Amino acid sequence: MPLRVRASGLDNSATVPGILHAWHQTHTGDWYALTSFEITNRNGTASLVTTQLVTADAVRPR
């Protein structure tokens, strides 16, 4: 992977604060959280605010 991508690509491994909007249960019984949060790149010069469903194990109280 090019150094440029490693240095300034989005960091999707970070734990970030967010807003929990709702819980949704699937037909198989799994739970997903509708959340909004900000993802920044690794060098902190750019960010992206996103709203998406995440698995229940990705959400924890503050």
PDB file of N, CA and C in Angstrom:
ATOM      1  N   MET A   1       0.843  -1.162   0.000  1.00  0.00           N
ATOM      2  CA  MET A   1       0.000   0.000   0.000  1.00  0.00           C
ATOM      3  C   MET A   1       0.897   1.237   0.000  1.00  0.00           C
ATOM      4  N   PRO A   2       0.593   2.219  -0.848  1.00  0.00           N
ATOM      5  CA  PRO A   2       1.431   3.427  -0.924  1.00  0.00           C
ATOM      6  C   PRO A   2       1.450   4.197   0.399  1.00  0.00           C
ATOM      7  N   LEU A   3       2.580   4.808   0.696  1.00  0.00           N
ATOM      8  CA  LEU A   3       2.732   5.596   1.918  1.00  0.00           C
ATOM      9  C   LEU A   3       1.681   6.695   1.998  1.00  0.00           C
ATOM     10  N   ARG A   4       1.329   7.304   0.873  1.00  0.00           N
ATOM     11  CA  ARG A   4       0.323   8.367   0.845  1.00  0.00           C
ATOM     12  C   ARG A   4      -1.005   7.876   1.421  1.00  0.00           C
ATOM     13  N   VAL A   5      -1.396   6.668   1.075  1.00  0.00           N
ATOM     14  CA  VAL A   5      -2.658   6.099   1.566  1.00  0.00           C
ATOM     15  C   VAL A   5      -2.548   5.784   3.048  1.00  0.00           C
ATOM     16  N   ARG A   6      -1.439   5.209   3.480  1.00  0.00           N
ATOM     17  CA  ARG A   6      -1.270   4.891   4.897  1.00  0.00           C
ATOM     18  C   ARG A   6      -1.214   6.137   5.750  1.00  0.00           C
ATOM     19  N   ALA A   7      -0.622   7.205   5.239  1.00  0.00           N
ATOM     20  CA  ALA A   7      -0.444   8.431   6.017  1.00  0.00           C
ATOM     21  C   ALA A   7      -1.705   9.272   6.100  1.00  0.00           C
ATOM     22  N   SER A   8      -2.532   9.286   5.056  1.00  0.00           N
ATOM     23  CA  SER A   8      -3.673  10.201   5.070  1.00  0.00           C
ATOM     24  C   SER A   8      -4.997   9.547   4.704  1.00  0.00           C
ATOM     25  N   GLY A   9      -5.055   8.232   4.640  1.00  0.00           N
ATOM     26  CA  GLY A   9      -6.326   7.553   4.369  1.00  0.00           C
ATOM     27  C   GLY A   9      -7.231   7.588   5.591  1.00  0.00           C
ATOM     28  N   LEU A  10      -8.528   7.313   5.414  1.00  0.00           N
ATOM     29  CA  LEU A  10      -9.470   7.290   6.528  1.00  0.00           C
ATOM     30  C   LEU A  10      -9.064   6.220   7.528  1.00  0.00           C
ATOM     31  N   ASP A  11      -9.173   6.556   8.812  1.00  0.00           N
ATOM     32  CA  ASP A  11      -8.821   5.623   9.883  1.00  0.00           C
ATOM     33  C   ASP A  11     -10.093   4.960  10.385  1.00  0.00           C
ATOM     34  N   ASN A  12     -10.409   3.792   9.859  1.00  0.00           N
ATOM     35  CA  ASN A  12     -11.621   3.096  10.274  1.00  0.00           C
ATOM     36  C   ASN A  12     -11.395   2.149  11.441  1.00  0.00           C
ATOM     37  N   SER A  13     -10.221   2.209  12.075  1.00  0.00           N
ATOM     38  CA  SER A  13      -9.944   1.366  13.236  1.00  0.00           C
ATOM     39  C   SER A  13     -10.070   2.130  14.551  1.00  0.00           C
ATOM     40  N   ALA A  14     -10.260   3.436  14.477  1.00  0.00           N
ATOM     41  CA  ALA A  14     -10.332   4.254  15.690  1.00  0.00           C
ATOM     42  C   ALA A  14     -11.689   4.094  16.376  1.00  0.00           C
ATOM     43  N   THR A  15     -11.702   4.248  17.695  1.00  0.00           N
ATOM     44  CA  THR A  15     -12.939   4.330  18.461  1.00  0.00           C
ATOM     45  C   THR A  15     -13.290   5.794  18.585  1.00  0.00           C
ATOM     46  N   VAL A  16     -14.487   6.171  18.155  1.00  0.00           N
ATOM     47  CA  VAL A  16     -14.881   7.582  18.132  1.00  0.00           C
ATOM     48  C   VAL A  16     -16.232   7.768  18.817  1.00  0.00           C
ATOM     49  N   PRO A  17     -16.480   8.944  19.384  1.00  0.00           N
ATOM     50  CA  PRO A  17     -17.807   9.210  19.941  1.00  0.00           C
ATOM     51  C   PRO A  17     -18.810   9.396  18.816  1.00  0.00           C
ATOM     52  N   GLY A  18     -20.042   9.107  19.110  1.00  0.00           N
ATOM     53  CA  GLY A  18     -21.082   9.264  18.097  1.00  0.00           C
ATOM     54  C   GLY A  18     -22.440   9.458  18.725  1.00  0.00           C
ATOM     55  N   ILE A  19     -23.452   9.509  17.893  1.00  0.00           N
ATOM     56  CA  ILE A  19     -24.832   9.670  18.339  1.00  0.00           C
ATOM     57  C   ILE A  19     -25.604   8.416  17.957  1.00  0.00           C
ATOM     58  N   LEU A  20     -26.291   7.834  18.920  1.00  0.00           N
ATOM     59  CA  LEU A  20     -27.149   6.681  18.671  1.00  0.00           C
ATOM     60  C   LEU A  20     -28.554   7.199  18.388  1.00  0.00           C
ATOM     61  N   HIS A  21     -29.069   6.925  17.201  1.00  0.00           N
ATOM     62  CA  HIS A  21     -30.390   7.396  16.809  1.00  0.00           C
ATOM     63  C   HIS A  21     -31.485   6.369  17.097  1.00  0.00           C
ATOM     64  N   ALA A  22     -31.213   5.101  16.837  1.00  0.00           N
ATOM     65  CA  ALA A  22     -32.246   4.071  16.993  1.00  0.00           C
ATOM     66  C   ALA A  22     -31.613   2.687  16.968  1.00  0.00           C
ATOM     67  N   TRP A  23     -32.361   1.723  17.474  1.00  0.00           N
ATOM     68  CA  TRP A  23     -32.000   0.308  17.372  1.00  0.00           C
ATOM     69  C   TRP A  23     -32.935  -0.368  16.388  1.00  0.00           C
ATOM     70  N   HIS A  24     -32.398  -1.303  15.602  1.00  0.00           N
ATOM     71  CA  HIS A  24     -33.201  -2.074  14.642  1.00  0.00           C
ATOM     72  C   HIS A  24     -32.873  -3.551  14.827  1.00  0.00           C
ATOM     73  N   GLN A  25     -33.918  -4.372  14.895  1.00  0.00           N
ATOM     74  CA  GLN A  25     -33.721  -5.814  15.027  1.00  0.00           C
ATOM     75  C   GLN A  25     -34.002  -6.484  13.686  1.00  0.00           C
ATOM     76  N   THR A  26     -33.124  -7.415  13.307  1.00  0.00           N
ATOM     77  CA  THR A  26     -33.300  -8.144  12.053  1.00  0.00           C
ATOM     78  C   THR A  26     -34.254  -9.318  12.254  1.00  0.00           C
ATOM     79  N   HIS A  27     -34.643  -9.944  11.173  1.00  0.00           N
ATOM     80  CA  HIS A  27     -35.537 -11.098  11.255  1.00  0.00           C
ATOM     81  C   HIS A  27     -34.871 -12.296  11.917  1.00  0.00           C
ATOM     82  N   THR A  28     -33.533 -12.273  12.026  1.00  0.00           N
ATOM     83  CA  THR A  28     -32.815 -13.367  12.688  1.00  0.00           C
ATOM     84  C   THR A  28     -32.529 -13.061  14.154  1.00  0.00           C
ATOM     85  N   GLY A  29     -32.967 -11.884  14.629  1.00  0.00           N
ATOM     86  CA  GLY A  29     -32.793 -11.532  16.039  1.00  0.00           C
ATOM     87  C   GLY A  29     -31.568 -10.685  16.341  1.00  0.00           C
ATOM     88  N   ASP A  30     -30.734 -10.418  15.345  1.00  0.00           N
ATOM     89  CA  ASP A  30     -29.561  -9.571  15.566  1.00  0.00           C
ATOM     90  C   ASP A  30     -29.995  -8.117  15.700  1.00  0.00           C
ATOM     91  N   TRP A  31     -29.198  -7.338  16.433  1.00  0.00           N
ATOM     92  CA  TRP A  31     -29.492  -5.926  16.621  1.00  0.00           C
ATOM     93  C   TRP A  31     -28.452  -5.065  15.918  1.00  0.00           C
ATOM     94  N   TYR A  32     -28.928  -3.992  15.291  1.00  0.00           N
ATOM     95  CA  TYR A  32     -28.068  -2.999  14.646  1.00  0.00           C
ATOM     96  C   TYR A  32     -28.443  -1.622  15.185  1.00  0.00           C
ATOM     97  N   ALA A  33     -27.440  -0.777  15.330  1.00  0.00           N
ATOM     98  CA  ALA A  33     -27.645   0.578  15.820  1.00  0.00           C
ATOM     99  C   ALA A  33     -27.504   1.556  14.665  1.00  0.00           C
ATOM    100  N   LEU A  34     -28.466   2.463  14.552  1.00  0.00           N
ATOM    101  CA  LEU A  34     -28.354   3.552  13.580  1.00  0.00           C
ATOM    102  C   LEU A  34     -27.589   4.670  14.276  1.00  0.00           C
ATOM    103  N   THR A  35     -26.416   4.990  13.766  1.00  0.00           N
ATOM    104  CA  THR A  35     -25.513   5.924  14.431  1.00  0.00           C
ATOM    105  C   THR A  35     -25.020   6.999  13.471  1.00  0.00           C
ATOM    106  N   SER A  36     -24.572   8.098  14.045  1.00  0.00           N
ATOM    107  CA  SER A  36     -23.850   9.139  13.295  1.00  0.00           C
ATOM    108  C   SER A  36     -22.527   9.364  14.008  1.00  0.00           C
ATOM    109  N   PHE A  37     -21.467   9.467  13.232  1.00  0.00           N
ATOM    110  CA  PHE A  37     -20.155   9.715  13.831  1.00  0.00           C
ATOM    111  C   PHE A  37     -19.228  10.305  12.782  1.00  0.00           C
ATOM    112  N   GLU A  38     -18.121  10.845  13.252  1.00  0.00           N
ATOM    113  CA  GLU A  38     -17.141  11.478  12.368  1.00  0.00           C
ATOM    114  C   GLU A  38     -15.908  10.598  12.251  1.00  0.00           C
ATOM    115  N   ILE A  39     -15.496  10.362  11.026  1.00  0.00           N
ATOM    116  CA  ILE A  39     -14.272   9.608  10.746  1.00  0.00           C
ATOM    117  C   ILE A  39     -13.244  10.615  10.243  1.00  0.00           C
ATOM    118  N   THR A  40     -12.041  10.573  10.803  1.00  0.00           N
ATOM    119  CA  THR A  40     -10.982  11.466  10.325  1.00  0.00           C
ATOM    120  C   THR A  40      -9.920  10.639   9.612  1.00  0.00           C
ATOM    121  N   ASN A  41      -9.105  11.341   8.825  1.00  0.00           N
ATOM    122  CA  ASN A  41      -7.991  10.619   8.220  1.00  0.00           C
ATOM    123  C   ASN A  41      -6.861  10.529   9.245  1.00  0.00           C
ATOM    124  N   ARG A  42      -5.878   9.744   8.950  1.00  0.00           N
ATOM    125  CA  ARG A  42      -4.843   9.437   9.936  1.00  0.00           C
ATOM    126  C   ARG A  42      -4.025  10.649  10.350  1.00  0.00           C
ATOM    127  N   ASN A  43      -3.894  11.646   9.478  1.00  0.00           N
ATOM    128  CA  ASN A  43      -3.095  12.810   9.869  1.00  0.00           C
ATOM    129  C   ASN A  43      -3.965  13.963  10.361  1.00  0.00           C
ATOM    130  N   GLY A  44      -5.299  13.750  10.463  1.00  0.00           N
ATOM    131  CA  GLY A  44      -6.191  14.726  11.060  1.00  0.00           C
ATOM    132  C   GLY A  44      -6.535  15.932  10.206  1.00  0.00           C
ATOM    133  N   THR A  45      -6.214  15.912   8.924  1.00  0.00           N
ATOM    134  CA  THR A  45      -6.474  17.079   8.079  1.00  0.00           C
ATOM    135  C   THR A  45      -7.819  17.049   7.369  1.00  0.00           C
ATOM    136  N   ALA A  46      -8.505  15.913   7.389  1.00  0.00           N
ATOM    137  CA  ALA A  46      -9.803  15.810   6.725  1.00  0.00           C
ATOM    138  C   ALA A  46     -10.700  14.892   7.537  1.00  0.00           C
ATOM    139  N   SER A  47     -12.010  15.072   7.390  1.00  0.00           N
ATOM    140  CA  SER A  47     -12.944  14.211   8.112  1.00  0.00           C
ATOM    141  C   SER A  47     -14.208  14.008   7.285  1.00  0.00           C
ATOM    142  N   LEU A  48     -14.990  13.034   7.706  1.00  0.00           N
ATOM    143  CA  LEU A  48     -16.224  12.676   7.036  1.00  0.00           C
ATOM    144  C   LEU A  48     -17.245  12.339   8.111  1.00  0.00           C
ATOM    145  N   VAL A  49     -18.400  13.017   8.108  1.00  0.00           N
ATOM    146  CA  VAL A  49     -19.491  12.676   9.025  1.00  0.00           C
ATOM    147  C   VAL A  49     -20.408  11.710   8.300  1.00  0.00           C
ATOM    148  N   THR A  50     -20.711  10.591   8.943  1.00  0.00           N
ATOM    149  CA  THR A  50     -21.510   9.564   8.308  1.00  0.00           C
ATOM    150  C   THR A  50     -22.630   9.098   9.231  1.00  0.00           C
ATOM    151  N   THR A  51     -23.729   8.673   8.650  1.00  0.00           N
ATOM    152  CA  THR A  51     -24.819   8.028   9.378  1.00  0.00           C
ATOM    153  C   THR A  51     -24.960   6.643   8.787  1.00  0.00           C
ATOM    154  N   GLN A  52     -24.859   5.636   9.654  1.00  0.00           N
ATOM    155  CA  GLN A  52     -24.930   4.276   9.138  1.00  0.00           C
ATOM    156  C   GLN A  52     -25.339   3.296  10.220  1.00  0.00           C
ATOM    157  N   LEU A  53     -25.740   2.096   9.774  1.00  0.00           N
ATOM    158  CA  LEU A  53     -26.021   1.009  10.695  1.00  0.00           C
ATOM    159  C   LEU A  53     -24.712   0.320  11.057  1.00  0.00           C
ATOM    160  N   VAL A  54     -24.548   0.037  12.348  1.00  0.00           N
ATOM    161  CA  VAL A  54     -23.387  -0.720  12.807  1.00  0.00           C
ATOM    162  C   VAL A  54     -23.891  -1.860  13.677  1.00  0.00           C
ATOM    163  N   THR A  55     -23.113  -2.906  13.788  1.00  0.00           N
ATOM    164  CA  THR A  55     -23.513  -4.034  14.621  1.00  0.00           C
ATOM    165  C   THR A  55     -23.544  -3.627  16.082  1.00  0.00           C
ATOM    166  N   ALA A  56     -24.362  -4.320  16.857  1.00  0.00           N
ATOM    167  CA  ALA A  56     -24.535  -3.972  18.275  1.00  0.00           C
ATOM    168  C   ALA A  56     -23.226  -4.019  19.049  1.00  0.00           C
ATOM    169  N   ASP A  57     -22.326  -4.915  18.676  1.00  0.00           N
ATOM    170  CA  ASP A  57     -21.056  -5.010  19.412  1.00  0.00           C
ATOM    171  C   ASP A  57     -20.112  -3.844  19.124  1.00  0.00           C
ATOM    172  N   ALA A  58     -20.432  -3.016  18.148  1.00  0.00           N
ATOM    173  CA  ALA A  58     -19.604  -1.844  17.848  1.00  0.00           C
ATOM    174  C   ALA A  58     -20.012  -0.630  18.681  1.00  0.00           C
ATOM    175  N   VAL A  59     -21.094  -0.744  19.449  1.00  0.00           N
ATOM    176  CA  VAL A  59     -21.618   0.379  20.225  1.00  0.00           C
ATOM    177  C   VAL A  59     -21.391   0.112  21.703  1.00  0.00           C
ATOM    178  N   ARG A  60     -20.919   1.129  22.420  1.00  0.00           N
ATOM    179  CA  ARG A  60     -20.808   1.009  23.878  1.00  0.00           C
ATOM    180  C   ARG A  60     -21.113   2.349  24.523  1.00  0.00           C
ATOM    181  N   PRO A  61     -21.574   2.337  25.768  1.00  0.00           N
ATOM    182  CA  PRO A  61     -21.913   3.602  26.446  1.00  0.00           C
ATOM    183  C   PRO A  61     -20.678   4.462  26.663  1.00  0.00           C
ATOM    184  N   ARG A  62     -20.917   5.760  26.779  1.00  0.00           N
ATOM    185  CA  ARG A  62     -19.800   6.671  27.057  1.00  0.00           C
ATOM    186  C   ARG A  62     -19.367   6.554  28.483  1.00  0.00           C
TER     187      ARG A  62
END
